């Protein structure tokens, strides 16, 4: 049985692995290879990179740092978490691992437009996935906000502070019955945010996206932010007894531990601001509290651990 297993090798999981190894805890990282950070063309609000850093490069550097201190990695996509005396059991099909404590750092996966060009559009900034991360780069440009009408008005309002050219691109015409959504829609109209007819489609010409309305009219944008929801693996933890919020994220205490003893959660799988810097901070907290929870391990000279 290991001291710790970290599930996920994004910025959160890699930071946790580095901390745990520097606490001289044996630590295995299970990585499915699909960190959300890999979609980042260039991050300009990640501390320590004044010239910006691409997501793939950030992950490479953080993985190299964790490996420098002895973190081990295996490729696996966990499908179940079980509880047993003294720890937790992780399963990926027929494979199993056991640890006294586990950090879940699996993040979320954005739901993107179903098109073959999605990756290319994200790479060149025609599609942008995080307004908090990169709306600065879209300042004063033509911005489209694509998704269900009930949800995109609030996002449009956020982006209105970056550009006067913001347009809502609703996938449906239903604003829902939520009073907050209706109020946001009215505020968007009052702020001068335009809205195109619902039910159109997104297109990409290799440089920018356009929205083709149901009548065939195409409107071009410098950047489009799709808000189509996200998938999360929080349900795996919930099946083991972890409590979820109403929006499906994991509830954690001040030390990042879920309601399951020994099971911690950090990063985008936890409710809060989905940012690299936030995930890194949560990782430091979780790894330190986990180290304090694990059995005391006095150092023996020459111990390879």
C-alpha atoms as a PDB file:
ATOM      1  CA  UNK A   1       0.000   0.000   0.000  1.00  0.00           C
ATOM      2  CA  UNK A   2       1.405   3.365  -1.077  1.00  0.00           C
ATOM      3  CA  UNK A   3       1.364   6.525   0.982  1.00  0.00           C
ATOM      4  CA  UNK A   4      -0.320   8.515  -1.766  1.00  0.00           C
ATOM      5  CA  UNK A   5      -1.751   8.292  -5.247  1.00  0.00           C
ATOM      6  CA  UNK A   6      -2.438  11.392  -7.309  1.00  0.00           C
ATOM      7  CA  UNK A   7      -5.059  10.935 -10.028  1.00  0.00           C
ATOM      8  CA  UNK A   8      -4.462  13.400 -12.833  1.00  0.00           C
ATOM      9  CA  UNK A   9      -1.321  15.031 -14.214  1.00  0.00           C
ATOM     10  CA  UNK A  10      -2.423  18.577 -14.864  1.00  0.00           C
ATOM     11  CA  UNK A  11      -0.923  21.548 -12.978  1.00  0.00           C
ATOM     12  CA  UNK A  12      -2.776  20.545  -9.792  1.00  0.00           C
ATOM     13  CA  UNK A  13      -1.740  16.899  -9.790  1.00  0.00           C
ATOM     14  CA  UNK A  14       1.855  17.598 -10.766  1.00  0.00           C
ATOM     15  CA  UNK A  15       2.241  20.190  -8.017  1.00  0.00           C
ATOM     16  CA  UNK A  16       0.815  17.756  -5.454  1.00  0.00           C
ATOM     17  CA  UNK A  17       3.228  15.056  -6.618  1.00  0.00           C
ATOM     18  CA  UNK A  18       6.205  17.385  -6.240  1.00  0.00           C
ATOM     19  CA  UNK A  19       5.148  18.353  -2.714  1.00  0.00           C
ATOM     20  CA  UNK A  20       4.518  14.775  -1.635  1.00  0.00           C
ATOM     21  CA  UNK A  21       7.877  13.544  -2.894  1.00  0.00           C
ATOM     22  CA  UNK A  22       9.624  16.433  -1.164  1.00  0.00           C
ATOM     23  CA  UNK A  23       7.887  15.248   2.020  1.00  0.00           C
ATOM     24  CA  UNK A  24       9.598  11.869   1.352  1.00  0.00           C
ATOM     25  CA  UNK A  25       6.236  10.206   0.748  1.00  0.00           C
ATOM     26  CA  UNK A  26       6.031   7.449  -1.850  1.00  0.00           C
ATOM     27  CA  UNK A  27       3.767   8.807  -4.554  1.00  0.00           C
ATOM     28  CA  UNK A  28       2.338   7.414  -7.770  1.00  0.00           C
ATOM     29  CA  UNK A  29       0.662   9.615 -10.375  1.00  0.00           C
ATOM     30  CA  UNK A  30      -2.025   7.997 -12.539  1.00  0.00           C
ATOM     31  CA  UNK A  31      -2.345   9.991 -15.740  1.00  0.00           C
ATOM     32  CA  UNK A  32      -4.970   9.579 -18.456  1.00  0.00           C
ATOM     33  CA  UNK A  33      -3.083  12.077 -20.627  1.00  0.00           C
ATOM     34  CA  UNK A  34      -5.940  14.512 -21.219  1.00  0.00           C
ATOM     35  CA  UNK A  35      -5.208  17.506 -18.986  1.00  0.00           C
ATOM     36  CA  UNK A  36      -7.332  20.530 -19.824  1.00  0.00           C
ATOM     37  CA  UNK A  37      -4.149  22.618 -19.714  1.00  0.00           C
ATOM     38  CA  UNK A  38      -2.937  21.050 -22.949  1.00  0.00           C
ATOM     39  CA  UNK A  39      -5.532  23.184 -24.783  1.00  0.00           C
ATOM     40  CA  UNK A  40      -3.881  26.448 -23.677  1.00  0.00           C
ATOM     41  CA  UNK A  41      -2.159  28.069 -26.715  1.00  0.00           C
ATOM     42  CA  UNK A  42      -0.432  30.589 -24.441  1.00  0.00           C
ATOM     43  CA  UNK A  43      -1.089  31.543 -20.831  1.00  0.00           C
ATOM     44  CA  UNK A  44      -0.148  35.081 -19.867  1.00  0.00           C
ATOM     45  CA  UNK A  45      -1.414  35.099 -16.288  1.00  0.00           C
ATOM     46  CA  UNK A  46       0.562  32.104 -15.034  1.00  0.00           C
ATOM     47  CA  UNK A  47       3.024  33.431 -12.410  1.00  0.00           C
ATOM     48  CA  UNK A  48       6.689  33.273 -13.394  1.00  0.00           C
ATOM     49  CA  UNK A  49       6.204  33.383 -17.186  1.00  0.00           C
ATOM     50  CA  UNK A  50       6.214  37.072 -18.203  1.00  0.00           C
ATOM     51  CA  UNK A  51       6.487  36.135 -21.884  1.00  0.00           C
ATOM     52  CA  UNK A  52       3.652  33.611 -21.621  1.00  0.00           C
ATOM     53  CA  UNK A  53       3.768  29.827 -21.706  1.00  0.00           C
ATOM     54  CA  UNK A  54       1.924  27.221 -23.760  1.00  0.00           C
ATOM     55  CA  UNK A  55      -0.043  24.605 -21.871  1.00  0.00           C
ATOM     56  CA  UNK A  56       1.999  21.697 -23.245  1.00  0.00           C
ATOM     57  CA  UNK A  57       5.251  23.373 -22.198  1.00  0.00           C
ATOM     58  CA  UNK A  58       3.926  24.152 -18.719  1.00  0.00           C
ATOM     59  CA  UNK A  59       2.908  20.517 -18.261  1.00  0.00           C
ATOM     60  CA  UNK A  60       6.298  19.318 -19.501  1.00  0.00           C
ATOM     61  CA  UNK A  61       8.184  21.520 -17.039  1.00  0.00           C
ATOM     62  CA  UNK A  62       5.954  20.604 -14.093  1.00  0.00           C
ATOM     63  CA  UNK A  63       6.201  16.888 -14.881  1.00  0.00           C
ATOM     64  CA  UNK A  64       9.976  17.160 -15.148  1.00  0.00           C
ATOM     65  CA  UNK A  65      10.055  18.832 -11.737  1.00  0.00           C
ATOM     66  CA  UNK A  66       7.951  16.097 -10.120  1.00  0.00           C
ATOM     67  CA  UNK A  67      10.106  13.386 -11.695  1.00  0.00           C
ATOM     68  CA  UNK A  68      13.270  15.111 -10.453  1.00  0.00           C
ATOM     69  CA  UNK A  69      12.148  14.314  -6.906  1.00  0.00           C
ATOM     70  CA  UNK A  70      11.158  10.762  -7.692  1.00  0.00           C
ATOM     71  CA  UNK A  71       7.461  10.859  -8.583  1.00  0.00           C
ATOM     72  CA  UNK A  72       6.431   7.802 -10.583  1.00  0.00           C
ATOM     73  CA  UNK A  73       3.860   7.847 -13.391  1.00  0.00           C
ATOM     74  CA  UNK A  74       1.551   5.266 -14.921  1.00  0.00           C
ATOM     75  CA  UNK A  75      -0.936   5.739 -17.717  1.00  0.00           C
ATOM     76  CA  UNK A  76      -4.436   4.905 -16.479  1.00  0.00           C
ATOM     77  CA  UNK A  77      -7.979   6.242 -16.513  1.00  0.00           C
ATOM     78  CA  UNK A  78      -9.591   5.498 -13.166  1.00  0.00           C
ATOM     79  CA  UNK A  79     -13.171   4.235 -13.277  1.00  0.00           C
ATOM     80  CA  UNK A  80     -13.828   3.458  -9.590  1.00  0.00           C
ATOM     81  CA  UNK A  81     -12.695   4.364  -6.087  1.00  0.00           C
ATOM     82  CA  UNK A  82     -13.299   1.918  -3.249  1.00  0.00           C
ATOM     83  CA  UNK A  83     -12.797   2.120   0.489  1.00  0.00           C
ATOM     84  CA  UNK A  84     -11.037  -0.527   2.548  1.00  0.00           C
ATOM     85  CA  UNK A  85      -9.458  -0.722   5.977  1.00  0.00           C
ATOM     86  CA  UNK A  86      -6.448   1.539   6.104  1.00  0.00           C
ATOM     87  CA  UNK A  87      -6.960   3.258   2.770  1.00  0.00           C
ATOM     88  CA  UNK A  88      -8.509   3.466  -0.652  1.00  0.00           C
ATOM     89  CA  UNK A  89      -8.539   1.243  -3.744  1.00  0.00           C
ATOM     90  CA  UNK A  90      -8.421   2.699  -7.247  1.00  0.00           C
ATOM     91  CA  UNK A  91      -9.521   0.681 -10.252  1.00  0.00           C
ATOM     92  CA  UNK A  92      -9.045   1.040 -13.994  1.00  0.00           C
ATOM     93  CA  UNK A  93     -10.730  -1.988 -15.487  1.00  0.00           C
ATOM     94  CA  UNK A  94      -8.951  -5.046 -14.040  1.00  0.00           C
ATOM     95  CA  UNK A  95      -6.001  -3.008 -12.724  1.00  0.00           C
ATOM     96  CA  UNK A  96      -5.951  -1.857  -9.098  1.00  0.00           C
ATOM     97  CA  UNK A  97      -3.802   0.320  -6.857  1.00  0.00           C
ATOM     98  CA  UNK A  98      -3.972   0.873  -3.092  1.00  0.00           C
ATOM     99  CA  UNK A  99      -2.960   3.898  -1.052  1.00  0.00           C
ATOM    100  CA  UNK A 100      -3.530   5.330   2.383  1.00  0.00           C
ATOM    101  CA  UNK A 101      -4.551   8.648   0.811  1.00  0.00           C
ATOM    102  CA  UNK A 102      -5.586   9.776  -2.665  1.00  0.00           C
ATOM    103  CA  UNK A 103      -5.657  13.189  -4.320  1.00  0.00           C
ATOM    104  CA  UNK A 104      -8.201  13.513  -7.104  1.00  0.00           C
ATOM    105  CA  UNK A 105      -6.964  16.091  -9.610  1.00  0.00           C
ATOM    106  CA  UNK A 106      -8.888  15.008 -12.676  1.00  0.00           C
ATOM    107  CA  UNK A 107     -10.224  18.447 -13.625  1.00  0.00           C
ATOM    108  CA  UNK A 108     -13.005  18.898 -16.147  1.00  0.00           C
ATOM    109  CA  UNK A 109     -13.278  18.441 -19.907  1.00  0.00           C
ATOM    110  CA  UNK A 110     -14.922  21.259 -21.849  1.00  0.00           C
ATOM    111  CA  UNK A 111     -17.740  20.357 -24.205  1.00  0.00           C
ATOM    112  CA  UNK A 112     -16.689  21.852 -27.527  1.00  0.00           C
ATOM    113  CA  UNK A 113     -18.479  22.282 -30.865  1.00  0.00           C
ATOM    114  CA  UNK A 114     -18.659  18.985 -32.699  1.00  0.00           C
ATOM    115  CA  UNK A 115     -16.382  19.804 -35.610  1.00  0.00           C
ATOM    116  CA  UNK A 116     -13.088  18.504 -36.994  1.00  0.00           C
ATOM    117  CA  UNK A 117     -11.544  21.975 -36.881  1.00  0.00           C
ATOM    118  CA  UNK A 118     -12.001  22.587 -33.129  1.00  0.00           C
ATOM    119  CA  UNK A 119      -8.374  21.956 -32.178  1.00  0.00           C
ATOM    120  CA  UNK A 120      -7.046  24.240 -34.920  1.00  0.00           C
ATOM    121  CA  UNK A 121      -9.462  27.005 -33.931  1.00  0.00           C
ATOM    122  CA  UNK A 122      -8.381  26.823 -30.285  1.00  0.00           C
ATOM    123  CA  UNK A 123      -4.703  26.818 -31.273  1.00  0.00           C
ATOM    124  CA  UNK A 124      -4.988  30.083 -33.204  1.00  0.00           C
ATOM    125  CA  UNK A 125      -7.291  31.854 -30.736  1.00  0.00           C
ATOM    126  CA  UNK A 126     -10.377  31.809 -32.931  1.00  0.00           C
ATOM    127  CA  UNK A 127     -12.018  29.709 -30.200  1.00  0.00           C
ATOM    128  CA  UNK A 128     -11.171  30.644 -26.623  1.00  0.00           C
ATOM    129  CA  UNK A 129     -12.068  28.496 -23.623  1.00  0.00           C
ATOM    130  CA  UNK A 130     -11.485  30.737 -20.611  1.00  0.00           C
ATOM    131  CA  UNK A 131     -12.360  34.425 -20.459  1.00  0.00           C
ATOM    132  CA  UNK A 132     -10.602  34.862 -17.119  1.00  0.00           C
ATOM    133  CA  UNK A 133      -7.428  33.465 -18.705  1.00  0.00           C
ATOM    134  CA  UNK A 134      -7.286  35.276 -22.009  1.00  0.00           C
ATOM    135  CA  UNK A 135      -9.959  37.944 -22.497  1.00  0.00           C
ATOM    136  CA  UNK A 136      -7.136  40.504 -22.260  1.00  0.00           C
ATOM    137  CA  UNK A 137      -5.880  39.162 -25.602  1.00  0.00           C
ATOM    138  CA  UNK A 138      -9.354  39.722 -27.076  1.00  0.00           C
ATOM    139  CA  UNK A 139      -9.550  43.369 -25.930  1.00  0.00           C
ATOM    140  CA  UNK A 140     -11.444  45.630 -28.378  1.00  0.00           C
ATOM    141  CA  UNK A 141     -11.996  42.771 -30.829  1.00  0.00           C
ATOM    142  CA  UNK A 142     -15.217  41.268 -32.145  1.00  0.00           C
ATOM    143  CA  UNK A 143     -16.242  38.630 -29.608  1.00  0.00           C
ATOM    144  CA  UNK A 144     -18.974  36.014 -29.933  1.00  0.00           C
ATOM    145  CA  UNK A 145     -20.395  34.064 -26.992  1.00  0.00           C
ATOM    146  CA  UNK A 146     -21.854  30.718 -28.096  1.00  0.00           C
ATOM    147  CA  UNK A 147     -24.110  28.418 -26.109  1.00  0.00           C
ATOM    148  CA  UNK A 148     -27.557  28.003 -24.503  1.00  0.00           C
ATOM    149  CA  UNK A 149     -29.278  31.359 -24.091  1.00  0.00           C
ATOM    150  CA  UNK A 150     -29.950  30.796 -20.389  1.00  0.00           C
ATOM    151  CA  UNK A 151     -26.234  30.731 -19.656  1.00  0.00           C
ATOM    152  CA  UNK A 152     -24.364  32.949 -22.089  1.00  0.00           C
ATOM    153  CA  UNK A 153     -25.718  36.369 -21.084  1.00  0.00           C
ATOM    154  CA  UNK A 154     -23.673  36.446 -17.869  1.00  0.00           C
ATOM    155  CA  UNK A 155     -20.547  35.456 -19.786  1.00  0.00           C
ATOM    156  CA  UNK A 156     -21.280  38.174 -22.323  1.00  0.00           C
ATOM    157  CA  UNK A 157     -21.503  40.737 -19.537  1.00  0.00           C
ATOM    158  CA  UNK A 158     -18.105  39.668 -18.228  1.00  0.00           C
ATOM    159  CA  UNK A 159     -16.593  40.077 -21.693  1.00  0.00           C
ATOM    160  CA  UNK A 160     -18.282  43.453 -22.228  1.00  0.00           C
ATOM    161  CA  UNK A 161     -15.624  45.006 -19.984  1.00  0.00           C
ATOM    162  CA  UNK A 162     -13.041  43.981 -22.602  1.00  0.00           C
ATOM    163  CA  UNK A 163     -14.794  45.050 -25.782  1.00  0.00           C
ATOM    164  CA  UNK A 164     -17.810  47.008 -26.964  1.00  0.00           C
ATOM    165  CA  UNK A 165     -18.268  44.464 -29.747  1.00  0.00           C
ATOM    166  CA  UNK A 166     -19.798  41.478 -27.933  1.00  0.00           C
ATOM    167  CA  UNK A 167     -22.524  39.345 -29.505  1.00  0.00           C
ATOM    168  CA  UNK A 168     -24.537  36.479 -28.043  1.00  0.00           C
ATOM    169  CA  UNK A 169     -24.815  33.418 -30.306  1.00  0.00           C
ATOM    170  CA  UNK A 170     -27.560  31.279 -28.729  1.00  0.00           C
ATOM    171  CA  UNK A 171     -27.907  27.617 -29.584  1.00  0.00           C
ATOM    172  CA  UNK A 172     -31.553  27.864 -28.505  1.00  0.00           C
ATOM    173  CA  UNK A 173     -34.162  30.561 -27.896  1.00  0.00           C
ATOM    174  CA  UNK A 174     -35.095  29.486 -24.367  1.00  0.00           C
ATOM    175  CA  UNK A 175     -33.886  31.869 -21.671  1.00  0.00           C
ATOM    176  CA  UNK A 176     -35.177  29.475 -18.999  1.00  0.00           C
ATOM    177  CA  UNK A 177     -37.202  30.265 -15.911  1.00  0.00           C
ATOM    178  CA  UNK A 178     -34.290  31.223 -13.656  1.00  0.00           C
ATOM    179  CA  UNK A 179     -34.683  34.832 -12.526  1.00  0.00           C
ATOM    180  CA  UNK A 180     -30.930  35.337 -12.468  1.00  0.00           C
ATOM    181  CA  UNK A 181     -30.613  34.284 -16.114  1.00  0.00           C
ATOM    182  CA  UNK A 182     -33.441  36.587 -17.156  1.00  0.00           C
ATOM    183  CA  UNK A 183     -31.871  39.472 -15.260  1.00  0.00           C
ATOM    184  CA  UNK A 184     -28.480  38.817 -16.869  1.00  0.00           C
ATOM    185  CA  UNK A 185     -30.096  38.805 -20.305  1.00  0.00           C
ATOM    186  CA  UNK A 186     -31.716  42.170 -19.633  1.00  0.00           C
ATOM    187  CA  UNK A 187     -28.437  43.560 -18.319  1.00  0.00           C
ATOM    188  CA  UNK A 188     -26.709  42.321 -21.460  1.00  0.00           C
ATOM    189  CA  UNK A 189     -29.214  44.161 -23.633  1.00  0.00           C
ATOM    190  CA  UNK A 190     -28.816  47.301 -21.504  1.00  0.00           C
ATOM    191  CA  UNK A 191     -25.020  47.074 -21.904  1.00  0.00           C
ATOM    192  CA  UNK A 192     -25.343  47.105 -25.680  1.00  0.00           C
ATOM    193  CA  UNK A 193     -24.580  43.450 -26.231  1.00  0.00           C
ATOM    194  CA  UNK A 194     -26.048  42.250 -29.513  1.00  0.00           C
ATOM    195  CA  UNK A 195     -27.747  38.892 -30.088  1.00  0.00           C
ATOM    196  CA  UNK A 196     -28.077  36.950 -33.338  1.00  0.00           C
ATOM    197  CA  UNK A 197     -30.980  34.590 -34.151  1.00  0.00           C
ATOM    198  CA  UNK A 198     -30.889  31.322 -32.228  1.00  0.00           C
ATOM    199  CA  UNK A 199     -30.057  27.946 -33.699  1.00  0.00           C
ATOM    200  CA  UNK A 200     -27.245  28.905 -36.048  1.00  0.00           C
ATOM    201  CA  UNK A 201     -23.963  27.060 -36.541  1.00  0.00           C
ATOM    202  CA  UNK A 202     -20.299  27.858 -36.087  1.00  0.00           C
ATOM    203  CA  UNK A 203     -17.885  27.713 -39.005  1.00  0.00           C
ATOM    204  CA  UNK A 204     -14.106  28.119 -39.217  1.00  0.00           C
ATOM    205  CA  UNK A 205     -12.108  29.284 -42.240  1.00  0.00           C
ATOM    206  CA  UNK A 206      -8.662  28.540 -40.877  1.00  0.00           C
ATOM    207  CA  UNK A 207      -8.207  31.932 -39.230  1.00  0.00           C
ATOM    208  CA  UNK A 208     -11.443  32.947 -37.551  1.00  0.00           C
ATOM    209  CA  UNK A 209     -14.887  31.650 -36.704  1.00  0.00           C
ATOM    210  CA  UNK A 210     -18.179  32.856 -38.077  1.00  0.00           C
ATOM    211  CA  UNK A 211     -21.751  32.246 -37.009  1.00  0.00           C
ATOM    212  CA  UNK A 212     -24.190  31.256 -39.745  1.00  0.00           C
ATOM    213  CA  UNK A 213     -27.714  32.209 -38.744  1.00  0.00           C
ATOM    214  CA  UNK A 214     -30.668  30.006 -39.715  1.00  0.00           C
ATOM    215  CA  UNK A 215     -31.399  32.342 -42.670  1.00  0.00           C
ATOM    216  CA  UNK A 216     -27.891  31.701 -44.055  1.00  0.00           C
ATOM    217  CA  UNK A 217     -26.308  34.988 -43.052  1.00  0.00           C
ATOM    218  CA  UNK A 218     -22.721  34.601 -41.803  1.00  0.00           C
ATOM    219  CA  UNK A 219     -21.195  36.956 -39.234  1.00  0.00           C
ATOM    220  CA  UNK A 220     -17.480  36.829 -38.541  1.00  0.00           C
ATOM    221  CA  UNK A 221     -15.745  37.184 -35.171  1.00  0.00           C
ATOM    222  CA  UNK A 222     -12.149  37.571 -34.038  1.00  0.00           C
ATOM    223  CA  UNK A 223     -12.798  35.260 -31.079  1.00  0.00           C
ATOM    224  CA  UNK A 224     -15.670  33.018 -30.027  1.00  0.00           C
ATOM    225  CA  UNK A 225     -16.127  31.714 -26.480  1.00  0.00           C
ATOM    226  CA  UNK A 226     -18.192  28.503 -26.432  1.00  0.00           C
ATOM    227  CA  UNK A 227     -20.076  27.801 -23.203  1.00  0.00           C
ATOM    228  CA  UNK A 228     -21.509  24.340 -23.761  1.00  0.00           C
ATOM    229  CA  UNK A 229     -20.827  22.819 -20.364  1.00  0.00           C
ATOM    230  CA  UNK A 230     -18.148  20.428 -19.167  1.00  0.00           C
ATOM    231  CA  UNK A 231     -17.715  16.795 -18.162  1.00  0.00           C
ATOM    232  CA  UNK A 232     -16.242  15.805 -14.827  1.00  0.00           C
ATOM    233  CA  UNK A 233     -15.152  12.627 -13.078  1.00  0.00           C
ATOM    234  CA  UNK A 234     -16.532  13.793  -9.727  1.00  0.00           C
ATOM    235  CA  UNK A 235     -19.146  11.047  -9.999  1.00  0.00           C
ATOM    236  CA  UNK A 236     -16.446   8.438  -9.339  1.00  0.00           C
ATOM    237  CA  UNK A 237     -15.749  10.039  -5.973  1.00  0.00           C
ATOM    238  CA  UNK A 238     -19.470  10.438  -5.298  1.00  0.00           C
ATOM    239  CA  UNK A 239     -19.929   6.696  -5.805  1.00  0.00           C
ATOM    240  CA  UNK A 240     -17.409   6.182  -3.003  1.00  0.00           C
ATOM    241  CA  UNK A 241     -19.436   8.446  -0.717  1.00  0.00           C
ATOM    242  CA  UNK A 242     -18.021  11.918  -1.433  1.00  0.00           C
ATOM    243  CA  UNK A 243     -20.462  14.810  -1.207  1.00  0.00           C
ATOM    244  CA  UNK A 244     -21.189  16.910  -4.296  1.00  0.00           C
ATOM    245  CA  UNK A 245     -22.403  20.489  -4.673  1.00  0.00           C
ATOM    246  CA  UNK A 246     -25.565  21.279  -6.627  1.00  0.00           C
ATOM    247  CA  UNK A 247     -23.441  21.982  -9.701  1.00  0.00           C
ATOM    248  CA  UNK A 248     -21.727  18.585  -9.510  1.00  0.00           C
ATOM    249  CA  UNK A 249     -18.347  19.564  -8.094  1.00  0.00           C
ATOM    250  CA  UNK A 250     -16.758  17.979  -5.040  1.00  0.00           C
ATOM    251  CA  UNK A 251     -17.234  19.454  -1.580  1.00  0.00           C
ATOM    252  CA  UNK A 252     -13.963  19.755   0.350  1.00  0.00           C
ATOM    253  CA  UNK A 253     -12.908  21.088   3.744  1.00  0.00           C
ATOM    254  CA  UNK A 254     -10.227  23.708   4.447  1.00  0.00           C
ATOM    255  CA  UNK A 255      -7.565  21.044   3.863  1.00  0.00           C
ATOM    256  CA  UNK A 256      -9.078  19.990   0.509  1.00  0.00           C
ATOM    257  CA  UNK A 257     -10.338  16.646   1.881  1.00  0.00           C
ATOM    258  CA  UNK A 258     -13.698  15.366   0.679  1.00  0.00           C
ATOM    259  CA  UNK A 259     -16.279  13.775   2.971  1.00  0.00           C
ATOM    260  CA  UNK A 260     -14.468  10.451   2.402  1.00  0.00           C
ATOM    261  CA  UNK A 261     -11.554  10.185   4.874  1.00  0.00           C
ATOM    262  CA  UNK A 262      -8.228  10.227   3.051  1.00  0.00           C
ATOM    263  CA  UNK A 263      -9.711  11.301  -0.294  1.00  0.00           C
ATOM    264  CA  UNK A 264      -8.675  14.807  -1.308  1.00  0.00           C
ATOM    265  CA  UNK A 265      -9.739  16.834  -4.353  1.00  0.00           C
ATOM    266  CA  UNK A 266      -8.044  19.787  -6.018  1.00  0.00           C
ATOM    267  CA  UNK A 267      -8.288  21.853  -9.180  1.00  0.00           C
ATOM    268  CA  UNK A 268     -11.258  22.175 -11.520  1.00  0.00           C
ATOM    269  CA  UNK A 269     -13.044  19.117 -10.065  1.00  0.00           C
ATOM    270  CA  UNK A 270     -13.615  21.301  -6.977  1.00  0.00           C
ATOM    271  CA  UNK A 271     -16.016  24.243  -7.026  1.00  0.00           C
ATOM    272  CA  UNK A 272     -14.311  27.577  -7.501  1.00  0.00           C
ATOM    273  CA  UNK A 273     -12.253  29.583  -9.945  1.00  0.00           C
ATOM    274  CA  UNK A 274     -10.832  27.296 -12.627  1.00  0.00           C
ATOM    275  CA  UNK A 275      -7.316  28.704 -12.859  1.00  0.00           C
ATOM    276  CA  UNK A 276      -3.821  27.211 -12.878  1.00  0.00           C
ATOM    277  CA  UNK A 277      -2.737  29.380  -9.952  1.00  0.00           C
ATOM    278  CA  UNK A 278      -5.762  28.311  -7.887  1.00  0.00           C
ATOM    279  CA  UNK A 279      -5.167  24.634  -8.666  1.00  0.00           C
ATOM    280  CA  UNK A 280      -1.506  24.926  -7.682  1.00  0.00           C
ATOM    281  CA  UNK A 281      -2.437  26.534  -4.368  1.00  0.00           C
ATOM    282  CA  UNK A 282      -5.005  23.833  -3.623  1.00  0.00           C
ATOM    283  CA  UNK A 283      -2.383  21.191  -4.423  1.00  0.00           C
ATOM    284  CA  UNK A 284       0.037  22.657  -1.900  1.00  0.00           C
ATOM    285  CA  UNK A 285      -2.662  22.687   0.775  1.00  0.00           C
ATOM    286  CA  UNK A 286      -3.853  19.144   0.065  1.00  0.00           C
ATOM    287  CA  UNK A 287      -0.378  17.613  -0.094  1.00  0.00           C
ATOM    288  CA  UNK A 288       0.682  19.272   3.160  1.00  0.00           C
ATOM    289  CA  UNK A 289      -2.457  18.251   5.044  1.00  0.00           C
ATOM    290  CA  UNK A 290      -2.157  14.729   3.640  1.00  0.00           C
ATOM    291  CA  UNK A 291       1.451  14.503   4.838  1.00  0.00           C
ATOM    292  CA  UNK A 292       0.283  15.500   8.318  1.00  0.00           C
ATOM    293  CA  UNK A 293      -2.468  12.864   8.207  1.00  0.00           C
ATOM    294  CA  UNK A 294      -0.229   9.999   7.084  1.00  0.00           C
ATOM    295  CA  UNK A 295       1.615   7.911   9.669  1.00  0.00           C
ATOM    296  CA  UNK A 296       4.741   9.521  11.058  1.00  0.00           C
ATOM    297  CA  UNK A 297       7.792   8.262   9.171  1.00  0.00           C
ATOM    298  CA  UNK A 298      11.080   9.100  10.922  1.00  0.00           C
ATOM    299  CA  UNK A 299      13.961   9.415   8.505  1.00  0.00           C
ATOM    300  CA  UNK A 300      16.661   6.743   8.430  1.00  0.00           C
ATOM    301  CA  UNK A 301      19.998   7.751   6.916  1.00  0.00           C
ATOM    302  CA  UNK A 302      20.286   6.436   3.383  1.00  0.00           C
ATOM    303  CA  UNK A 303      16.562   5.662   3.102  1.00  0.00           C
ATOM    304  CA  UNK A 304      15.763   5.565  -0.609  1.00  0.00           C
ATOM    305  CA  UNK A 305      12.175   6.661  -0.097  1.00  0.00           C
END
